[in-house]
Amino acid sequence: RIYPWGDRFESTHCNTFDCGQRATTPVGWYGPDNTDPRAGRQSGVSPCGAEEMAGNVWEWLASSYGADYSKSELSERRDSTARRCLRGGSWNYSAVFARAALRYHFRPGYVSNNVGLRLVRASPGG
């Protein structure tokens, strides 16, 4: 899959520059529980059930960025100054940056309104 939902970009499935929001959107804006059919938004859910993995804000990863993806470390020490990977694209970048395979990078401590992180919690009994 080029994007979490399939091989064609769909502007109704995520928040990139091409979608016209021009700012971040709240969690659930492109989720399956979107209750406003007039908005024209649809779920960009992936086959494994992960939602909103493309667009909105770049998401930090713990792994360092290496030009050779196969040699990238799985996780860096917290005090490392190595560039860290980001994925997902953002509201301020075009759709090509929201591709599932694309990696971007910044130094730890970089702050921007289009960079964030995703918190994950296991479901009870999951």
C-alpha atoms as a PDB file:
ATOM      1  CA  ARG A   1       0.000   0.000   0.000  1.00  0.00           C
ATOM      2  CA  ILE A   2       1.282   3.448  -0.856  1.00  0.00           C
ATOM      3  CA  TYR A   3      -0.992   5.110   1.718  1.00  0.00           C
ATOM      4  CA  PRO A   4      -2.449   3.401   4.812  1.00  0.00           C
ATOM      5  CA  TRP A   5      -5.826   2.883   3.086  1.00  0.00           C
ATOM      6  CA  GLY A   6      -4.599   1.901  -0.404  1.00  0.00           C
ATOM      7  CA  ASP A   7      -2.571   2.892  -3.443  1.00  0.00           C
ATOM      8  CA  ARG A   8      -4.383   6.110  -4.435  1.00  0.00           C
ATOM      9  CA  PHE A   9      -4.203   9.359  -2.513  1.00  0.00           C
ATOM     10  CA  GLU A  10      -7.602  10.417  -1.176  1.00  0.00           C
ATOM     11  CA  SER A  11      -7.846  13.983   0.130  1.00  0.00           C
ATOM     12  CA  THR A  12     -10.883  13.009   2.214  1.00  0.00           C
ATOM     13  CA  HIS A  13      -8.826  10.450   4.206  1.00  0.00           C
ATOM     14  CA  CYS A  14      -6.096  12.582   5.818  1.00  0.00           C
ATOM     15  CA  ASN A  15      -4.875  16.094   6.564  1.00  0.00           C
ATOM     16  CA  THR A  16      -2.130  17.188   4.149  1.00  0.00           C
ATOM     17  CA  PHE A  17      -1.533  20.535   2.447  1.00  0.00           C
ATOM     18  CA  ASP A  18      -3.515  19.244  -0.540  1.00  0.00           C
ATOM     19  CA  CYS A  19      -6.617  18.806   1.646  1.00  0.00           C
ATOM     20  CA  GLY A  20      -6.958  22.506   2.426  1.00  0.00           C
ATOM     21  CA  GLN A  21      -7.284  22.455   6.241  1.00  0.00           C
ATOM     22  CA  ARG A  22      -4.078  24.538   6.692  1.00  0.00           C
ATOM     23  CA  ALA A  23      -3.810  23.547  10.387  1.00  0.00           C
ATOM     24  CA  THR A  24      -3.897  20.462  12.575  1.00  0.00           C
ATOM     25  CA  THR A  25      -7.165  18.622  13.068  1.00  0.00           C
ATOM     26  CA  PRO A  26      -8.444  16.898  16.230  1.00  0.00           C
ATOM     27  CA  VAL A  27      -8.109  13.167  16.780  1.00  0.00           C
ATOM     28  CA  GLY A  28     -11.012  11.389  15.091  1.00  0.00           C
ATOM     29  CA  TRP A  29     -11.490  14.037  12.384  1.00  0.00           C
ATOM     30  CA  TYR A  30     -10.785  11.375   9.731  1.00  0.00           C
ATOM     31  CA  GLY A  31     -11.891   8.413  11.829  1.00  0.00           C
ATOM     32  CA  PRO A  32     -14.728   5.960  11.269  1.00  0.00           C
ATOM     33  CA  ASP A  33     -16.868   7.774  13.842  1.00  0.00           C
ATOM     34  CA  ASN A  34     -17.004  11.038  11.866  1.00  0.00           C
ATOM     35  CA  THR A  35     -20.620  12.045  12.427  1.00  0.00           C
ATOM     36  CA  ASP A  36     -20.855  14.964  10.001  1.00  0.00           C
ATOM     37  CA  PRO A  37     -21.562  13.598   6.481  1.00  0.00           C
ATOM     38  CA  ARG A  38     -21.575  17.143   5.070  1.00  0.00           C
ATOM     39  CA  ALA A  39     -17.862  17.458   5.828  1.00  0.00           C
ATOM     40  CA  GLY A  40     -16.979  14.890   3.171  1.00  0.00           C
ATOM     41  CA  ARG A  41     -14.324  13.308   5.368  1.00  0.00           C
ATOM     42  CA  GLN A  42     -13.839   9.562   5.381  1.00  0.00           C
ATOM     43  CA  SER A  43     -11.804   7.123   7.400  1.00  0.00           C
ATOM     44  CA  GLY A  44      -8.258   6.498   6.219  1.00  0.00           C
ATOM     45  CA  VAL A  45      -8.028   3.389   8.414  1.00  0.00           C
ATOM     46  CA  SER A  46      -5.379   0.798   7.543  1.00  0.00           C
ATOM     47  CA  PRO A  47      -6.100  -2.943   7.222  1.00  0.00           C
ATOM     48  CA  CYS A  48      -4.765  -3.542  10.756  1.00  0.00           C
ATOM     49  CA  GLY A  49      -7.203  -0.970  12.156  1.00  0.00           C
ATOM     50  CA  ALA A  50      -4.718   1.865  12.773  1.00  0.00           C
ATOM     51  CA  GLU A  51      -6.356   5.215  12.131  1.00  0.00           C
ATOM     52  CA  GLU A  52      -5.056   8.602  10.999  1.00  0.00           C
ATOM     53  CA  MET A  53      -1.525   7.401  10.238  1.00  0.00           C
ATOM     54  CA  ALA A  54      -1.087   9.844   7.358  1.00  0.00           C
ATOM     55  CA  GLY A  55      -1.049  13.624   7.568  1.00  0.00           C
ATOM     56  CA  ASN A  56      -1.875  16.012  10.407  1.00  0.00           C
ATOM     57  CA  VAL A  57       1.592  16.051  12.055  1.00  0.00           C
ATOM     58  CA  TRP A  58       4.880  14.246  11.441  1.00  0.00           C
ATOM     59  CA  GLU A  59       5.249  11.605  14.142  1.00  0.00           C
ATOM     60  CA  TRP A  60       8.562  11.089  15.927  1.00  0.00           C
ATOM     61  CA  LEU A  61      10.051   7.591  16.046  1.00  0.00           C
ATOM     62  CA  ALA A  62      12.681   6.367  18.515  1.00  0.00           C
ATOM     63  CA  SER A  63      14.852   5.093  15.664  1.00  0.00           C
ATOM     64  CA  SER A  64      17.726   7.048  14.208  1.00  0.00           C
ATOM     65  CA  TYR A  65      17.688   8.128  10.587  1.00  0.00           C
ATOM     66  CA  GLY A  66      20.115   6.395   8.270  1.00  0.00           C
ATOM     67  CA  ALA A  67      20.345   6.785   4.518  1.00  0.00           C
ATOM     68  CA  ASP A  68      20.416   2.975   4.326  1.00  0.00           C
ATOM     69  CA  TYR A  69      17.113   1.971   5.891  1.00  0.00           C
ATOM     70  CA  SER A  70      18.205  -1.635   6.444  1.00  0.00           C
ATOM     71  CA  LYS A  71      21.078  -0.458   8.681  1.00  0.00           C
ATOM     72  CA  SER A  72      19.058   1.979  10.800  1.00  0.00           C
ATOM     73  CA  GLU A  73      19.019   1.239  14.504  1.00  0.00           C
ATOM     74  CA  LEU A  74      15.731   0.107  15.951  1.00  0.00           C
ATOM     75  CA  SER A  75      15.991   2.514  18.848  1.00  0.00           C
ATOM     76  CA  GLU A  76      18.429   5.199  19.965  1.00  0.00           C
ATOM     77  CA  ARG A  77      19.587   6.033  23.456  1.00  0.00           C
ATOM     78  CA  ARG A  78      17.588   8.915  24.938  1.00  0.00           C
ATOM     79  CA  ASP A  79      20.671  11.155  25.175  1.00  0.00           C
ATOM     80  CA  SER A  80      21.727  10.540  21.560  1.00  0.00           C
ATOM     81  CA  THR A  81      21.903  13.589  19.272  1.00  0.00           C
ATOM     82  CA  ALA A  82      21.484  11.483  16.110  1.00  0.00           C
ATOM     83  CA  ARG A  83      18.756  12.553  13.721  1.00  0.00           C
ATOM     84  CA  ARG A  84      15.513  10.704  14.431  1.00  0.00           C
ATOM     85  CA  CYS A  85      12.999   9.400  11.932  1.00  0.00           C
ATOM     86  CA  LEU A  86       9.607  10.943  11.423  1.00  0.00           C
ATOM     87  CA  ARG A  87       6.748   9.426   9.453  1.00  0.00           C
ATOM     88  CA  GLY A  88       3.282  10.266   8.245  1.00  0.00           C
ATOM     89  CA  GLY A  89       3.601  13.704   6.678  1.00  0.00           C
ATOM     90  CA  SER A  90       1.742  16.736   7.966  1.00  0.00           C
ATOM     91  CA  TRP A  91      -0.898  19.343   7.255  1.00  0.00           C
ATOM     92  CA  ASN A  92       1.834  21.623   5.881  1.00  0.00           C
ATOM     93  CA  TYR A  93       3.367  19.118   3.420  1.00  0.00           C
ATOM     94  CA  SER A  94       2.017  17.684   0.165  1.00  0.00           C
ATOM     95  CA  ALA A  95       0.464  14.233  -0.192  1.00  0.00           C
ATOM     96  CA  VAL A  96       3.688  12.643  -1.429  1.00  0.00           C
ATOM     97  CA  PHE A  97       5.099  13.066   2.118  1.00  0.00           C
ATOM     98  CA  ALA A  98       2.178  11.085   3.587  1.00  0.00           C
ATOM     99  CA  ARG A  99       3.214   7.907   1.759  1.00  0.00           C
ATOM    100  CA  ALA A 100       3.550   4.955   4.145  1.00  0.00           C
ATOM    101  CA  ALA A 101       7.144   4.205   3.074  1.00  0.00           C
ATOM    102  CA  LEU A 102       8.471   7.754   3.331  1.00  0.00           C
ATOM    103  CA  ARG A 103      10.790   8.700   6.196  1.00  0.00           C
ATOM    104  CA  TYR A 104      11.849  12.220   7.151  1.00  0.00           C
ATOM    105  CA  HIS A 105      14.264  13.302   9.859  1.00  0.00           C
ATOM    106  CA  PHE A 106      15.125  16.047  12.347  1.00  0.00           C
ATOM    107  CA  ARG A 107      17.468  16.385  15.294  1.00  0.00           C
ATOM    108  CA  PRO A 108      16.020  15.599  18.733  1.00  0.00           C
ATOM    109  CA  GLY A 109      14.538  18.703  20.278  1.00  0.00           C
ATOM    110  CA  TYR A 110      13.251  20.126  16.986  1.00  0.00           C
ATOM    111  CA  VAL A 111       9.954  21.906  17.648  1.00  0.00           C
ATOM    112  CA  SER A 112       7.319  22.806  15.071  1.00  0.00           C
ATOM    113  CA  ASN A 113       3.546  23.002  14.776  1.00  0.00           C
ATOM    114  CA  ASN A 114       3.657  20.178  12.240  1.00  0.00           C
ATOM    115  CA  VAL A 115       5.659  17.669  14.327  1.00  0.00           C
ATOM    116  CA  GLY A 116       4.232  15.567  17.148  1.00  0.00           C
ATOM    117  CA  LEU A 117       3.972  12.061  18.465  1.00  0.00           C
ATOM    118  CA  ARG A 118       1.463   9.289  18.906  1.00  0.00           C
ATOM    119  CA  LEU A 119       0.711   7.757  22.257  1.00  0.00           C
ATOM    120  CA  VAL A 120      -0.373   4.146  22.208  1.00  0.00           C
ATOM    121  CA  ARG A 121      -2.147   2.213  24.902  1.00  0.00           C
ATOM    122  CA  ALA A 122      -2.903  -1.486  24.734  1.00  0.00           C
ATOM    123  CA  SER A 123      -6.561  -2.309  25.060  1.00  0.00           C
ATOM    124  CA  PRO A 124      -7.554  -4.358  28.089  1.00  0.00           C
ATOM    125  CA  GLY A 125      -7.181  -8.032  27.259  1.00  0.00           C
ATOM    126  CA  GLY A 126      -5.532  -7.138  23.939  1.00  0.00           C
END
